[in-house]
Amino acid sequence: MRPDLSLSATAPALAVTSGSEERTELLGRAIGLALRSGDAVLISGELGAGKTCMVRGMAEGTGSPTAARSPTFVLVNEYPGRVRLSHCDLYRISGPDEVDELALDERMHDGALIVEWPELGPSALPSDALLIQIDVDAHSDERTIVLTPRGERSGRLLSRAAAVFEAFDMAGPEQTR
């Protein structure tokens, strides 16, 4: 079964408003701290919404010494850490066959998979994944970030990440670095 990438069918499990890159990255860091090998995260949003900023936080949360950057021209970047991240950007793929060639499911055996633009290759993506939709308010530049699990494993990931993010919020910005 492949992921249903529409968020309208289910109520979101968590919605966060972000008014800054730092807050978006902080949410990503909470997810990174919660990630385990075998987890999958699918991130959707328009160009410039903050998808790569969120991944940068995830890489930091896993303890990666390498800062995440957009893999647009290489399709997949890998970041070592407590959990190895395979960060895939499907924006420039030519079709579903090209996604299949990336063997994304194999990357989850010994790491976590993060995919930007999942709507461009849904047939090759895991069905149990944490879907993240980032929407930008054109008037205020605030982002609404909706996290929706699509199975038991991604539900557990969301629970862990939400607990970490709540602890970050309670600690305040100066305590979360």
N, C-alpha and C. Protein backbone atom coordinates (compact mmCIF):
# COMPACT_ATOMS: atom_id res chain seq x y z
N MET A 1 0.84 -1.18 0.00
CA MET A 1 0.00 0.00 0.00
C MET A 1 0.88 1.25 0.00
N ARG A 2 0.60 2.18 -0.85
CA ARG A 2 1.39 3.40 -0.99
C ARG A 2 0.74 4.53 -0.20
N PRO A 3 1.53 5.56 0.13
CA PRO A 3 1.00 6.62 0.96
C PRO A 3 -0.05 7.47 0.26
N ASP A 4 -1.07 7.85 1.02
CA ASP A 4 -2.03 8.83 0.56
C ASP A 4 -1.44 10.17 0.95
N LEU A 5 -1.00 10.95 -0.01
CA LEU A 5 -0.31 12.19 0.30
C LEU A 5 -1.25 13.36 0.52
N SER A 6 -2.55 13.13 0.41
CA SER A 6 -3.48 14.21 0.72
C SER A 6 -3.71 14.23 2.22
N LEU A 7 -3.71 15.42 2.77
CA LEU A 7 -3.89 15.55 4.22
C LEU A 7 -5.34 15.79 4.57
N SER A 8 -6.22 15.97 3.60
CA SER A 8 -7.60 16.29 3.89
C SER A 8 -8.38 15.09 4.43
N ALA A 9 -7.92 13.88 4.16
CA ALA A 9 -8.65 12.69 4.56
C ALA A 9 -8.54 12.41 6.06
N THR A 10 -7.57 12.95 6.71
CA THR A 10 -7.35 12.66 8.11
C THR A 10 -7.12 13.94 8.89
N ALA A 11 -7.53 13.94 10.14
CA ALA A 11 -7.24 15.10 10.98
C ALA A 11 -5.75 15.07 11.32
N PRO A 12 -5.11 16.22 11.31
CA PRO A 12 -3.68 16.25 11.63
C PRO A 12 -3.42 15.84 13.07
N ALA A 13 -2.33 15.17 13.28
CA ALA A 13 -1.96 14.77 14.63
C ALA A 13 -1.29 15.92 15.36
N LEU A 14 -0.60 16.78 14.62
CA LEU A 14 0.09 17.90 15.24
C LEU A 14 0.21 19.02 14.23
N ALA A 15 -0.13 20.24 14.66
CA ALA A 15 0.04 21.42 13.81
C ALA A 15 0.85 22.43 14.61
N VAL A 16 1.88 22.97 13.97
CA VAL A 16 2.79 23.92 14.61
C VAL A 16 2.86 25.16 13.73
N THR A 17 2.84 26.34 14.34
CA THR A 17 3.05 27.58 13.61
C THR A 17 4.48 28.01 13.83
N SER A 18 5.14 28.35 12.73
CA SER A 18 6.53 28.80 12.80
C SER A 18 6.65 30.16 12.13
N GLY A 19 7.21 31.10 12.86
CA GLY A 19 7.43 32.43 12.32
C GLY A 19 8.87 32.69 11.98
N SER A 20 9.71 31.63 12.06
CA SER A 20 11.14 31.84 11.80
C SER A 20 11.80 30.54 11.34
N GLU A 21 12.94 30.71 10.67
CA GLU A 21 13.73 29.54 10.29
C GLU A 21 14.16 28.77 11.53
N GLU A 22 14.49 29.50 12.61
CA GLU A 22 14.96 28.86 13.84
C GLU A 22 13.91 27.93 14.42
N ARG A 23 12.63 28.36 14.40
CA ARG A 23 11.57 27.51 14.96
C ARG A 23 11.33 26.29 14.06
N THR A 24 11.38 26.50 12.75
CA THR A 24 11.22 25.37 11.82
C THR A 24 12.36 24.37 12.02
N GLU A 25 13.57 24.89 12.15
CA GLU A 25 14.72 24.02 12.38
C GLU A 25 14.62 23.32 13.74
N LEU A 26 14.08 24.01 14.74
CA LEU A 26 13.90 23.41 16.07
C LEU A 26 12.93 22.22 16.01
N LEU A 27 11.85 22.37 15.26
CA LEU A 27 10.92 21.25 15.08
C LEU A 27 11.64 20.10 14.37
N GLY A 28 12.44 20.42 13.36
CA GLY A 28 13.22 19.40 12.68
C GLY A 28 14.18 18.70 13.63
N ARG A 29 14.81 19.48 14.53
CA ARG A 29 15.74 18.88 15.49
C ARG A 29 15.01 17.91 16.42
N ALA A 30 13.80 18.28 16.84
CA ALA A 30 13.00 17.39 17.69
C ALA A 30 12.71 16.07 16.95
N ILE A 31 12.38 16.17 15.68
CA ILE A 31 12.13 14.96 14.88
C ILE A 31 13.42 14.16 14.76
N GLY A 32 14.54 14.84 14.50
CA GLY A 32 15.83 14.15 14.38
C GLY A 32 16.20 13.41 15.65
N LEU A 33 15.94 14.01 16.80
CA LEU A 33 16.23 13.33 18.07
C LEU A 33 15.35 12.10 18.25
N ALA A 34 14.16 12.12 17.65
CA ALA A 34 13.22 11.01 17.79
C ALA A 34 13.38 9.93 16.73
N LEU A 35 14.12 10.22 15.66
CA LEU A 35 14.25 9.26 14.55
C LEU A 35 14.99 8.00 14.96
N ARG A 36 14.57 6.89 14.35
CA ARG A 36 15.23 5.60 14.49
C ARG A 36 15.41 5.00 13.10
N SER A 37 16.33 4.07 12.99
CA SER A 37 16.50 3.38 11.71
C SER A 37 15.17 2.76 11.31
N GLY A 38 14.82 2.89 10.04
CA GLY A 38 13.57 2.36 9.53
C GLY A 38 12.46 3.38 9.44
N ASP A 39 12.66 4.56 10.02
CA ASP A 39 11.65 5.61 9.96
C ASP A 39 11.69 6.32 8.61
N ALA A 40 10.53 6.83 8.19
CA ALA A 40 10.43 7.59 6.95
C ALA A 40 9.65 8.87 7.21
N VAL A 41 10.14 9.98 6.64
CA VAL A 41 9.49 11.28 6.76
C VAL A 41 9.36 11.85 5.35
N LEU A 42 8.15 12.26 4.98
CA LEU A 42 7.87 12.83 3.67
C LEU A 42 7.46 14.28 3.86
N ILE A 43 8.17 15.22 3.21
CA ILE A 43 7.95 16.64 3.44
C ILE A 43 7.48 17.32 2.16
N SER A 44 6.30 17.95 2.24
CA SER A 44 5.73 18.68 1.10
C SER A 44 5.61 20.15 1.44
N GLY A 45 5.70 20.97 0.42
CA GLY A 45 5.53 22.41 0.56
C GLY A 45 6.08 23.08 -0.68
N GLU A 46 5.63 24.28 -0.92
CA GLU A 46 6.09 25.00 -2.12
C GLU A 46 7.57 25.33 -2.02
N LEU A 47 8.15 25.76 -3.13
CA LEU A 47 9.55 26.19 -3.12
C LEU A 47 9.72 27.30 -2.08
N GLY A 48 10.76 27.18 -1.26
CA GLY A 48 11.04 28.19 -0.25
C GLY A 48 10.22 28.07 1.02
N ALA A 49 9.45 27.01 1.16
CA ALA A 49 8.59 26.85 2.34
C ALA A 49 9.38 26.53 3.60
N GLY A 50 10.56 25.93 3.46
CA GLY A 50 11.37 25.57 4.62
C GLY A 50 11.62 24.09 4.77
N LYS A 51 11.43 23.33 3.69
CA LYS A 51 11.64 21.88 3.75
C LYS A 51 13.08 21.54 4.11
N THR A 52 14.03 22.14 3.41
CA THR A 52 15.44 21.85 3.67
C THR A 52 15.87 22.39 5.04
N CYS A 53 15.29 23.50 5.47
CA CYS A 53 15.55 24.03 6.81
C CYS A 53 15.14 23.00 7.86
N MET A 54 13.99 22.36 7.66
CA MET A 54 13.54 21.33 8.58
C MET A 54 14.50 20.14 8.57
N VAL A 55 14.95 19.74 7.39
CA VAL A 55 15.89 18.62 7.29
C VAL A 55 17.21 18.98 7.97
N ARG A 56 17.64 20.22 7.85
CA ARG A 56 18.86 20.67 8.53
C ARG A 56 18.72 20.43 10.04
N GLY A 57 17.56 20.74 10.60
CA GLY A 57 17.31 20.48 12.01
C GLY A 57 17.31 18.98 12.32
N MET A 58 16.75 18.17 11.43
CA MET A 58 16.74 16.71 11.64
C MET A 58 18.17 16.17 11.68
N ALA A 59 19.00 16.61 10.73
CA ALA A 59 20.39 16.15 10.71
C ALA A 59 21.10 16.55 12.00
N GLU A 60 20.86 17.77 12.44
CA GLU A 60 21.46 18.22 13.70
C GLU A 60 20.97 17.35 14.87
N GLY A 61 19.68 17.02 14.86
CA GLY A 61 19.11 16.19 15.92
C GLY A 61 19.68 14.78 15.97
N THR A 62 20.14 14.27 14.83
CA THR A 62 20.75 12.94 14.82
C THR A 62 22.23 12.99 15.19
N GLY A 63 22.75 14.22 15.35
CA GLY A 63 24.16 14.37 15.69
C GLY A 63 25.08 14.37 14.49
N SER A 64 24.54 14.63 13.31
CA SER A 64 25.37 14.65 12.12
C SER A 64 26.35 15.81 12.16
N PRO A 65 27.62 15.55 11.85
CA PRO A 65 28.60 16.63 11.80
C PRO A 65 28.48 17.44 10.50
N THR A 66 27.65 16.97 9.58
CA THR A 66 27.48 17.62 8.29
C THR A 66 26.14 18.35 8.26
N ALA A 67 26.15 19.63 7.91
CA ALA A 67 24.91 20.40 7.80
C ALA A 67 24.16 19.98 6.55
N ALA A 68 22.86 19.77 6.68
CA ALA A 68 22.04 19.37 5.53
C ALA A 68 21.93 20.51 4.54
N ARG A 69 21.92 20.14 3.27
CA ARG A 69 21.70 21.10 2.19
C ARG A 69 20.77 20.45 1.18
N SER A 70 20.22 21.22 0.30
CA SER A 70 19.28 20.69 -0.67
C SER A 70 19.98 19.71 -1.61
N PRO A 71 19.43 18.50 -1.75
CA PRO A 71 20.04 17.53 -2.67
C PRO A 71 19.48 17.63 -4.09
N THR A 72 18.94 18.78 -4.45
CA THR A 72 18.24 18.94 -5.72
C THR A 72 19.04 18.44 -6.91
N PHE A 73 20.33 18.67 -6.96
CA PHE A 73 21.09 18.30 -8.15
C PHE A 73 21.69 16.90 -8.07
N VAL A 74 21.76 16.30 -6.88
CA VAL A 74 22.29 14.95 -6.75
C VAL A 74 21.20 13.95 -6.37
N LEU A 75 20.02 14.40 -6.10
CA LEU A 75 18.83 13.64 -5.71
C LEU A 75 18.88 13.10 -4.28
N VAL A 76 20.04 12.55 -3.83
CA VAL A 76 20.11 12.01 -2.47
C VAL A 76 21.42 12.43 -1.81
N ASN A 77 21.30 12.99 -0.61
CA ASN A 77 22.47 13.25 0.24
C ASN A 77 22.34 12.35 1.46
N GLU A 78 23.48 11.90 1.97
CA GLU A 78 23.47 11.10 3.19
C GLU A 78 24.21 11.85 4.28
N TYR A 79 23.67 11.77 5.49
CA TYR A 79 24.26 12.43 6.65
C TYR A 79 24.49 11.41 7.75
N PRO A 80 25.74 11.23 8.16
CA PRO A 80 26.03 10.30 9.25
C PRO A 80 25.57 10.90 10.57
N GLY A 81 25.34 10.05 11.53
CA GLY A 81 24.94 10.49 12.86
C GLY A 81 24.48 9.28 13.66
N ARG A 82 23.81 9.53 14.75
CA ARG A 82 23.26 8.44 15.56
C ARG A 82 22.39 7.55 14.69
N VAL A 83 21.66 8.17 13.77
CA VAL A 83 20.90 7.48 12.73
C VAL A 83 21.36 8.11 11.41
N ARG A 84 21.73 7.27 10.44
CA ARG A 84 22.14 7.79 9.14
C ARG A 84 20.89 8.27 8.40
N LEU A 85 20.93 9.52 7.92
CA LEU A 85 19.81 10.07 7.16
C LEU A 85 20.09 9.99 5.67
N SER A 86 19.13 9.49 4.92
CA SER A 86 19.15 9.58 3.47
C SER A 86 18.12 10.64 3.12
N HIS A 87 18.60 11.77 2.60
CA HIS A 87 17.76 12.93 2.29
C HIS A 87 17.60 13.00 0.79
N CYS A 88 16.38 12.77 0.32
CA CYS A 88 16.10 12.70 -1.10
C CYS A 88 15.18 13.85 -1.51
N ASP A 89 15.47 14.45 -2.64
CA ASP A 89 14.66 15.53 -3.19
C ASP A 89 14.18 15.09 -4.56
N LEU A 90 12.88 14.92 -4.71
CA LEU A 90 12.33 14.41 -5.97
C LEU A 90 11.95 15.51 -6.96
N TYR A 91 12.26 16.75 -6.65
CA TYR A 91 11.82 17.88 -7.46
C TYR A 91 12.24 17.76 -8.93
N ARG A 92 13.42 17.27 -9.20
CA ARG A 92 13.92 17.23 -10.58
C ARG A 92 13.87 15.84 -11.23
N ILE A 93 13.13 14.91 -10.64
CA ILE A 93 13.06 13.59 -11.26
C ILE A 93 12.25 13.66 -12.55
N SER A 94 12.53 12.72 -13.44
CA SER A 94 11.85 12.73 -14.73
C SER A 94 10.60 11.85 -14.74
N GLY A 95 10.41 11.04 -13.71
CA GLY A 95 9.22 10.20 -13.66
C GLY A 95 9.34 9.13 -12.60
N PRO A 96 8.28 8.36 -12.41
CA PRO A 96 8.25 7.33 -11.37
C PRO A 96 9.35 6.28 -11.49
N ASP A 97 9.74 5.95 -12.73
CA ASP A 97 10.80 4.95 -12.92
C ASP A 97 12.11 5.42 -12.30
N GLU A 98 12.39 6.71 -12.39
CA GLU A 98 13.61 7.25 -11.81
C GLU A 98 13.59 7.15 -10.28
N VAL A 99 12.42 7.30 -9.68
CA VAL A 99 12.30 7.15 -8.23
C VAL A 99 12.56 5.70 -7.84
N ASP A 100 12.01 4.76 -8.60
CA ASP A 100 12.24 3.34 -8.33
C ASP A 100 13.73 3.01 -8.36
N GLU A 101 14.47 3.61 -9.28
CA GLU A 101 15.91 3.35 -9.40
C GLU A 101 16.70 3.82 -8.18
N LEU A 102 16.13 4.73 -7.38
CA LEU A 102 16.84 5.22 -6.19
C LEU A 102 16.84 4.20 -5.05
N ALA A 103 16.00 3.15 -5.15
CA ALA A 103 15.92 2.10 -4.13
C ALA A 103 15.78 2.69 -2.73
N LEU A 104 14.81 3.58 -2.57
CA LEU A 104 14.65 4.28 -1.30
C LEU A 104 14.33 3.35 -0.13
N ASP A 105 13.59 2.28 -0.39
CA ASP A 105 13.26 1.35 0.69
C ASP A 105 14.50 0.69 1.28
N GLU A 106 15.51 0.47 0.46
CA GLU A 106 16.76 -0.14 0.95
C GLU A 106 17.52 0.80 1.89
N ARG A 107 17.34 2.09 1.74
CA ARG A 107 18.03 3.06 2.58
C ARG A 107 17.50 3.06 4.01
N MET A 108 16.33 2.48 4.21
CA MET A 108 15.72 2.46 5.54
C MET A 108 16.21 1.30 6.39
N HIS A 109 16.92 0.35 5.81
CA HIS A 109 17.39 -0.81 6.57
C HIS A 109 18.39 -0.41 7.65
N ASP A 110 19.24 0.56 7.33
CA ASP A 110 20.24 0.97 8.32
C ASP A 110 20.26 2.48 8.51
N GLY A 111 19.09 3.08 8.35
CA GLY A 111 18.99 4.53 8.54
C GLY A 111 17.55 4.99 8.37
N ALA A 112 17.37 6.29 8.36
CA ALA A 112 16.05 6.89 8.18
C ALA A 112 16.00 7.57 6.81
N LEU A 113 14.81 7.62 6.25
CA LEU A 113 14.60 8.20 4.93
C LEU A 113 13.80 9.49 5.07
N ILE A 114 14.32 10.57 4.47
CA ILE A 114 13.63 11.86 4.44
C ILE A 114 13.45 12.22 2.97
N VAL A 115 12.21 12.48 2.53
CA VAL A 115 11.94 12.75 1.13
C VAL A 115 11.21 14.09 1.00
N GLU A 116 11.81 14.99 0.21
CA GLU A 116 11.14 16.22 -0.17
C GLU A 116 10.42 15.99 -1.50
N TRP A 117 9.28 16.64 -1.67
CA TRP A 117 8.45 16.52 -2.87
C TRP A 117 7.96 15.09 -3.08
N PRO A 118 7.43 14.42 -2.05
CA PRO A 118 6.99 13.03 -2.19
C PRO A 118 5.84 12.84 -3.17
N GLU A 119 5.08 13.89 -3.40
CA GLU A 119 3.94 13.79 -4.32
C GLU A 119 4.39 13.50 -5.76
N LEU A 120 5.69 13.65 -6.06
CA LEU A 120 6.20 13.40 -7.40
C LEU A 120 6.58 11.93 -7.63
N GLY A 121 6.56 11.12 -6.57
CA GLY A 121 6.91 9.71 -6.73
C GLY A 121 6.28 8.83 -5.68
N PRO A 122 4.98 8.97 -5.44
CA PRO A 122 4.35 8.26 -4.32
C PRO A 122 4.40 6.74 -4.41
N SER A 123 4.45 6.18 -5.61
CA SER A 123 4.42 4.72 -5.73
C SER A 123 5.68 4.05 -5.21
N ALA A 124 6.78 4.79 -5.08
CA ALA A 124 8.05 4.22 -4.63
C ALA A 124 8.34 4.54 -3.16
N LEU A 125 7.37 5.11 -2.46
CA LEU A 125 7.61 5.55 -1.08
C LEU A 125 6.91 4.62 -0.09
N PRO A 126 7.45 4.53 1.13
CA PRO A 126 6.83 3.67 2.14
C PRO A 126 5.44 4.18 2.54
N SER A 127 4.54 3.26 2.80
CA SER A 127 3.19 3.65 3.18
C SER A 127 3.13 4.15 4.63
N ASP A 128 3.96 3.60 5.50
CA ASP A 128 3.99 4.06 6.90
C ASP A 128 5.07 5.12 7.01
N ALA A 129 4.66 6.37 6.91
CA ALA A 129 5.60 7.48 6.93
C ALA A 129 4.95 8.66 7.63
N LEU A 130 5.77 9.50 8.22
CA LEU A 130 5.29 10.73 8.81
C LEU A 130 5.23 11.78 7.71
N LEU A 131 4.03 12.24 7.39
CA LEU A 131 3.85 13.26 6.37
C LEU A 131 3.92 14.63 7.02
N ILE A 132 4.71 15.51 6.43
CA ILE A 132 4.83 16.88 6.92
C ILE A 132 4.46 17.80 5.77
N GLN A 133 3.44 18.62 6.00
CA GLN A 133 3.02 19.61 5.01
C GLN A 133 3.35 20.99 5.57
N ILE A 134 4.13 21.77 4.81
CA ILE A 134 4.49 23.12 5.23
C ILE A 134 3.79 24.11 4.30
N ASP A 135 2.92 24.94 4.88
CA ASP A 135 2.21 25.96 4.12
C ASP A 135 2.64 27.33 4.60
N VAL A 136 2.90 28.22 3.66
CA VAL A 136 3.37 29.58 3.97
C VAL A 136 2.21 30.55 3.82
N ASP A 137 2.00 31.37 4.84
CA ASP A 137 1.02 32.45 4.77
C ASP A 137 1.66 33.60 4.00
N ALA A 138 1.11 33.92 2.85
CA ALA A 138 1.70 34.95 1.98
C ALA A 138 1.72 36.33 2.62
N HIS A 139 0.84 36.58 3.57
CA HIS A 139 0.75 37.90 4.19
C HIS A 139 1.72 38.08 5.35
N SER A 140 2.05 36.99 6.03
CA SER A 140 2.88 37.14 7.24
C SER A 140 4.18 36.36 7.19
N ASP A 141 4.38 35.52 6.20
CA ASP A 141 5.54 34.63 6.10
C ASP A 141 5.57 33.57 7.20
N GLU A 142 4.50 33.46 7.99
CA GLU A 142 4.44 32.37 8.97
C GLU A 142 4.17 31.06 8.24
N ARG A 143 4.70 29.99 8.82
CA ARG A 143 4.46 28.67 8.27
C ARG A 143 3.53 27.90 9.19
N THR A 144 2.60 27.19 8.59
CA THR A 144 1.81 26.21 9.33
C THR A 144 2.37 24.86 8.93
N ILE A 145 2.85 24.13 9.92
CA ILE A 145 3.49 22.84 9.67
C ILE A 145 2.59 21.77 10.27
N VAL A 146 2.07 20.90 9.42
CA VAL A 146 1.15 19.85 9.85
C VAL A 146 1.85 18.51 9.72
N LEU A 147 1.90 17.77 10.83
CA LEU A 147 2.54 16.46 10.86
C LEU A 147 1.46 15.40 11.02
N THR A 148 1.40 14.47 10.09
CA THR A 148 0.36 13.44 10.08
C THR A 148 1.00 12.06 9.91
N PRO A 149 0.85 11.17 10.88
CA PRO A 149 1.40 9.82 10.71
C PRO A 149 0.49 8.98 9.83
N ARG A 150 1.08 8.06 9.09
CA ARG A 150 0.32 7.16 8.22
C ARG A 150 0.52 5.70 8.60
N GLY A 151 0.67 5.45 9.89
CA GLY A 151 0.81 4.08 10.35
C GLY A 151 1.32 4.06 11.78
N GLU A 152 1.47 2.86 12.32
CA GLU A 152 1.90 2.71 13.71
C GLU A 152 3.31 3.24 13.94
N ARG A 153 4.22 2.87 13.08
CA ARG A 153 5.62 3.30 13.26
C ARG A 153 5.73 4.82 13.22
N SER A 154 5.12 5.44 12.22
CA SER A 154 5.19 6.90 12.11
C SER A 154 4.40 7.57 13.24
N GLY A 155 3.39 6.91 13.75
CA GLY A 155 2.67 7.43 14.92
C GLY A 155 3.56 7.47 16.15
N ARG A 156 4.38 6.43 16.32
CA ARG A 156 5.33 6.41 17.45
C ARG A 156 6.40 7.49 17.27
N LEU A 157 6.87 7.66 16.02
CA LEU A 157 7.84 8.71 15.74
C LEU A 157 7.25 10.07 16.10
N LEU A 158 6.02 10.32 15.69
CA LEU A 158 5.39 11.60 15.99
C LEU A 158 5.24 11.80 17.49
N SER A 159 4.86 10.77 18.22
CA SER A 159 4.73 10.89 19.68
C SER A 159 6.05 11.27 20.33
N ARG A 160 7.13 10.61 19.91
CA ARG A 160 8.45 10.93 20.47
C ARG A 160 8.86 12.35 20.12
N ALA A 161 8.68 12.73 18.85
CA ALA A 161 9.08 14.06 18.39
C ALA A 161 8.26 15.15 19.08
N ALA A 162 6.97 14.92 19.25
CA ALA A 162 6.11 15.92 19.90
C ALA A 162 6.55 16.13 21.35
N ALA A 163 6.93 15.06 22.03
CA ALA A 163 7.39 15.19 23.42
C ALA A 163 8.69 16.00 23.49
N VAL A 164 9.60 15.75 22.57
CA VAL A 164 10.86 16.51 22.54
C VAL A 164 10.58 17.97 22.21
N PHE A 165 9.73 18.22 21.22
CA PHE A 165 9.43 19.60 20.83
C PHE A 165 8.76 20.35 21.98
N GLU A 166 7.88 19.68 22.69
CA GLU A 166 7.23 20.32 23.85
C GLU A 166 8.26 20.67 24.91
N ALA A 167 9.22 19.79 25.14
CA ALA A 167 10.28 20.07 26.11
C ALA A 167 11.11 21.27 25.65
N PHE A 168 11.39 21.35 24.35
CA PHE A 168 12.11 22.51 23.81
C PHE A 168 11.32 23.79 24.07
N ASP A 169 10.02 23.76 23.79
CA ASP A 169 9.17 24.93 23.99
C ASP A 169 9.17 25.38 25.45
N MET A 170 9.12 24.41 26.35
CA MET A 170 9.10 24.74 27.78
C MET A 170 10.44 25.29 28.25
N ALA A 171 11.53 24.84 27.64
CA ALA A 171 12.86 25.27 28.04
C ALA A 171 13.18 26.68 27.55
N GLY A 172 12.57 27.08 26.46
CA GLY A 172 12.85 28.41 25.91
C GLY A 172 14.00 28.35 24.92
N PRO A 173 14.08 29.36 24.04
CA PRO A 173 15.08 29.32 22.96
C PRO A 173 16.52 29.27 23.41
N GLU A 174 16.83 29.90 24.50
CA GLU A 174 18.24 29.92 24.95
C GLU A 174 18.70 28.57 25.50
N GLN A 175 17.77 27.70 25.85
CA GLN A 175 18.13 26.41 26.45
C GLN A 175 18.13 25.27 25.43
N THR A 176 17.73 25.52 24.21
CA THR A 176 17.57 24.43 23.23
C THR A 176 18.74 24.28 22.29
N ARG A 177 19.78 25.01 22.47
CA ARG A 177 20.96 24.86 21.59
C ARG A 177 21.97 23.96 22.21
